[in-house]
Amino acid sequence: MDGTLVDSTALVESTWAGFCERHRLDLAEVLAFAHGRPTRETVGHFLSDPNLAAAETRRLVAHEESETTGITEVPGARALLAALPPHTWGVVTSAGRRLAEVRMAAAGLPLPGILVSADEVSRGKPDPEGYLSAAAQLGCPPQDAVVVEDSSAGVRAGLAACGRTVVIGALDTYDDVAPRWTDFRGFRVEPPRAGVSGVLLDVPEPVAAGQVVAR
């Protein structure tokens, strides 16, 4: 969700900046670890006291669920979701369910019928559990699914779950195994074809490694 459908970058970074200031941590290090992972895992990684970590997780989650300033759709996301048949897509997110609902609404995006949040998995990304759960609920064999991601942890989860993974955004570490687009502008859902199950997408050329894209 965050970084693929919803642009919440400014809010996420300001939230973790406050956390780092409270605990005298390096923001760059925390952001590098946090991207794509559940809040509880990031807090637990940097705070050794379990009671303090639990309290900080509750505080951060409450703050995120009450703040929507600056949240927008990733360009093209709303149009793409409107064109996709509802039974063909779902969201697997490292956010809690309530936070996912808040951010999707703030970005003007519809909620999917299948939403696998951090609350519903025992192991967060990069473990593939969430994506395997979503594929099962969609009635889609994992090898027939496509994962769309923006984080290293997420790409690793997608590759482990089904192999076919694409990247939205600036992450270029996986360009050799996961084609990358800046956003969803230019994506088009094609009409159903006889003998073809699933969804057909007409997409622009992916971004090549090292290519600069004007926005």
Protein backbone atom coordinates (compact mmCIF):
# COMPACT_ATOMS: atom_id res chain seq x y z
CA MET A 1 0.00 0.00 0.00
CA ASP A 2 2.44 2.69 1.17
CA GLY A 3 4.69 3.61 -1.73
CA THR A 4 2.78 1.61 -4.33
CA LEU A 5 -0.82 2.84 -4.11
CA VAL A 6 -0.52 5.53 -1.43
CA ASP A 7 2.16 8.24 -1.28
CA SER A 8 2.67 8.79 2.45
CA THR A 9 6.41 9.45 2.32
CA ALA A 10 6.45 12.79 4.12
CA LEU A 11 4.24 11.56 6.97
CA VAL A 12 6.16 8.30 7.41
CA GLU A 13 9.51 10.07 7.51
CA SER A 14 8.32 12.71 9.98
CA THR A 15 6.88 9.98 12.25
CA TRP A 16 10.15 8.06 12.33
CA ALA A 17 12.11 11.30 12.76
CA GLY A 18 10.19 11.94 15.99
CA PHE A 19 10.88 8.37 17.13
CA CYS A 20 14.61 8.82 16.45
CA GLU A 21 14.72 12.11 18.32
CA ARG A 22 13.05 10.53 21.36
CA HIS A 23 15.51 7.64 21.45
CA ARG A 24 18.65 9.23 19.99
CA LEU A 25 18.73 6.99 16.94
CA ASP A 26 20.03 7.62 13.44
CA LEU A 27 17.11 8.45 11.13
CA ALA A 28 18.74 7.13 7.95
CA GLU A 29 19.44 3.79 9.62
CA VAL A 30 15.90 3.49 10.98
CA LEU A 31 14.27 4.41 7.66
CA ALA A 32 16.43 1.92 5.79
CA PHE A 33 15.25 -0.88 8.08
CA ALA A 34 11.63 0.28 8.46
CA HIS A 35 10.69 0.53 4.79
CA GLY A 36 8.23 -2.25 4.01
CA ARG A 37 8.21 -3.71 7.52
CA PRO A 38 5.53 -3.58 10.26
CA THR A 39 6.00 -0.84 12.85
CA ARG A 40 6.29 -3.36 15.70
CA GLU A 41 9.23 -5.09 14.00
CA THR A 42 11.11 -1.85 13.44
CA VAL A 43 10.56 -0.62 16.98
CA GLY A 44 11.56 -3.99 18.42
CA HIS A 45 14.71 -4.01 16.30
CA PHE A 46 15.93 -0.71 17.73
CA LEU A 47 14.57 -0.84 21.31
CA SER A 48 15.75 -3.77 23.40
CA ASP A 49 13.32 -3.23 26.29
CA PRO A 50 10.14 -5.14 25.29
CA ASN A 51 7.87 -3.01 27.51
CA LEU A 52 9.25 0.20 26.05
CA ALA A 53 9.01 -1.22 22.54
CA ALA A 54 5.35 -2.16 23.06
CA ALA A 55 4.50 1.29 24.42
CA GLU A 56 6.31 3.03 21.56
CA THR A 57 4.56 0.84 18.99
CA ARG A 58 1.17 1.79 20.42
CA ARG A 59 2.11 5.49 20.41
CA LEU A 60 3.37 5.44 16.83
CA VAL A 61 0.37 3.51 15.52
CA ALA A 62 -2.07 5.87 17.25
CA HIS A 63 -0.27 8.86 15.74
CA GLU A 64 -0.30 7.39 12.23
CA GLU A 65 -3.98 6.45 12.43
CA SER A 66 -4.93 10.01 13.41
CA GLU A 67 -2.82 11.88 10.82
CA THR A 68 -3.49 12.08 7.09
CA THR A 69 -1.74 15.31 6.14
CA GLY A 70 -0.08 15.11 2.75
CA ILE A 71 -1.34 11.64 1.85
CA THR A 72 -2.16 11.25 -1.85
CA GLU A 73 -2.49 8.49 -4.42
CA VAL A 74 0.54 7.32 -6.34
CA PRO A 75 -0.14 8.80 -9.81
CA GLY A 76 -2.39 6.52 -11.84
CA ALA A 77 -3.34 4.25 -8.93
CA ARG A 78 -6.98 5.39 -8.69
CA ALA A 79 -7.63 4.92 -12.40
CA LEU A 80 -5.99 1.50 -12.44
CA LEU A 81 -7.95 0.20 -9.45
CA ALA A 82 -11.20 1.52 -10.92
CA ALA A 83 -10.52 -0.46 -14.10
CA LEU A 84 -9.57 -3.73 -12.38
CA PRO A 85 -12.37 -6.22 -11.68
CA PRO A 86 -12.82 -6.22 -7.87
CA HIS A 87 -12.19 -9.96 -7.51
CA THR A 88 -8.76 -9.78 -9.20
CA TRP A 89 -6.70 -7.73 -6.77
CA GLY A 90 -5.91 -7.33 -3.09
CA VAL A 91 -3.58 -5.43 -0.79
CA VAL A 92 -0.83 -6.96 1.35
CA THR A 93 0.53 -4.30 3.67
CA SER A 94 2.91 -3.95 6.59
CA ALA A 95 0.46 -1.44 8.08
CA GLY A 96 -2.24 -2.48 10.52
CA ARG A 97 -5.78 -2.88 9.15
CA ARG A 98 -7.08 0.37 10.66
CA LEU A 99 -4.12 2.35 9.31
CA ALA A 100 -4.57 0.79 5.87
CA GLU A 101 -8.23 1.82 5.86
CA VAL A 102 -7.34 5.37 6.93
CA ARG A 103 -4.64 5.86 4.31
CA MET A 104 -6.57 4.31 1.42
CA ALA A 105 -9.52 6.60 2.23
CA ALA A 106 -7.26 9.65 2.55
CA ALA A 107 -5.81 8.93 -0.89
CA GLY A 108 -9.28 8.49 -2.39
CA LEU A 109 -8.73 4.82 -3.17
CA PRO A 110 -11.23 1.95 -2.81
CA LEU A 111 -10.69 -0.78 -0.26
CA PRO A 112 -10.18 -4.22 -1.80
CA GLY A 113 -12.18 -7.26 -0.84
CA ILE A 114 -8.91 -8.93 0.16
CA LEU A 115 -6.71 -6.95 2.55
CA VAL A 116 -3.93 -8.77 4.40
CA SER A 117 -2.52 -6.41 7.02
CA ALA A 118 0.23 -6.70 9.61
CA ASP A 119 -2.48 -7.73 12.07
CA GLU A 120 -3.21 -10.91 10.12
CA VAL A 121 0.25 -12.40 9.69
CA SER A 122 2.70 -13.89 12.15
CA ARG A 123 5.72 -13.02 9.99
CA GLY A 124 5.98 -9.72 8.13
CA LYS A 125 7.82 -8.96 4.91
CA PRO A 126 10.33 -10.12 3.67
CA ASP A 127 8.58 -13.36 4.65
CA PRO A 128 6.11 -14.36 1.87
CA GLU A 129 3.31 -15.28 4.30
CA GLY A 130 1.15 -12.25 3.48
CA TYR A 131 1.33 -12.72 -0.27
CA LEU A 132 0.64 -16.44 -0.07
CA SER A 133 -2.40 -15.70 2.09
CA ALA A 134 -3.71 -13.11 -0.35
CA ALA A 135 -3.25 -15.43 -3.34
CA ALA A 136 -5.15 -18.18 -1.54
CA GLN A 137 -8.02 -15.81 -0.67
CA LEU A 138 -8.16 -14.61 -4.28
CA GLY A 139 -8.29 -18.21 -5.47
CA CYS A 140 -5.16 -17.60 -7.51
CA PRO A 141 -2.22 -20.04 -7.64
CA PRO A 142 0.84 -18.06 -6.42
CA GLN A 143 2.67 -18.68 -9.70
CA ASP A 144 -0.17 -16.92 -11.56
CA ALA A 145 -0.12 -13.82 -9.35
CA VAL A 146 1.81 -10.59 -9.83
CA VAL A 147 3.18 -8.71 -6.82
CA VAL A 148 3.63 -4.93 -7.02
CA GLU A 149 6.13 -3.53 -4.53
CA ASP A 150 8.33 -0.54 -3.70
CA SER A 151 10.57 -1.78 -0.87
CA SER A 152 13.41 -4.25 -0.63
CA ALA A 153 11.61 -6.27 2.04
CA GLY A 154 8.48 -6.35 -0.11
CA VAL A 155 10.28 -7.37 -3.30
CA ARG A 156 11.98 -10.22 -1.47
CA ALA A 157 8.60 -11.35 -0.13
CA GLY A 158 7.06 -11.19 -3.60
CA LEU A 159 9.87 -13.11 -5.25
CA ALA A 160 9.65 -15.80 -2.56
CA ALA A 161 5.86 -16.04 -2.86
CA CYS A 162 5.32 -16.17 -6.60
CA GLY A 163 8.39 -14.99 -8.44
CA ARG A 164 6.58 -12.48 -10.67
CA THR A 165 7.22 -9.16 -8.95
CA VAL A 166 7.33 -5.62 -10.32
CA VAL A 167 8.47 -2.38 -8.70
CA ILE A 168 6.77 1.01 -8.55
CA GLY A 169 9.06 3.89 -7.60
CA ALA A 170 12.78 4.49 -7.33
CA LEU A 171 14.03 1.17 -5.93
CA ASP A 172 16.46 -0.06 -8.59
CA THR A 173 18.27 -2.80 -6.65
CA TYR A 174 16.17 -5.51 -8.29
CA ASP A 175 15.99 -4.23 -11.87
CA ASP A 176 17.47 -7.50 -13.14
CA VAL A 177 14.62 -9.60 -11.66
CA ALA A 178 11.74 -7.13 -11.20
CA PRO A 179 10.84 -4.60 -13.93
CA ARG A 180 10.25 -1.09 -12.59
CA TRP A 181 7.92 1.78 -13.36
CA THR A 182 7.86 5.28 -11.84
CA ASP A 183 4.09 5.07 -11.21
CA PHE A 184 0.91 3.70 -12.81
CA ARG A 185 0.38 6.37 -15.44
CA GLY A 186 0.03 4.66 -18.79
CA PHE A 187 -1.20 1.36 -17.32
CA ARG A 188 -4.38 0.19 -19.05
CA VAL A 189 -6.64 -2.78 -18.38
CA GLU A 190 -7.49 -4.51 -21.66
CA PRO A 191 -10.95 -5.98 -22.39
CA PRO A 192 -11.31 -9.71 -21.62
CA ARG A 193 -10.25 -12.06 -24.40
CA ALA A 194 -11.75 -15.43 -25.23
CA GLY A 195 -9.76 -18.26 -23.73
CA VAL A 196 -7.74 -15.99 -21.45
CA SER A 197 -8.40 -16.01 -17.71
CA GLY A 198 -7.25 -13.30 -15.36
CA VAL A 199 -6.42 -9.70 -16.23
CA LEU A 200 -4.47 -8.34 -19.19
CA LEU A 201 -2.55 -5.10 -18.69
CA ASP A 202 -1.14 -2.86 -21.38
CA VAL A 203 1.81 -1.08 -19.77
CA PRO A 204 4.48 1.39 -20.90
CA GLU A 205 8.12 0.46 -21.19
CA PRO A 206 9.70 -0.11 -17.73
CA VAL A 207 12.39 2.19 -16.40
CA ALA A 208 15.89 0.99 -17.26
CA ALA A 209 18.52 0.83 -14.53
CA GLY A 210 20.09 4.25 -14.08
CA GLN A 211 17.50 6.00 -16.26
CA VAL A 212 16.26 9.37 -15.01
CA VAL A 213 12.50 9.88 -15.36
CA ALA A 214 10.94 13.33 -15.25
CA ARG A 215 7.78 13.56 -13.19
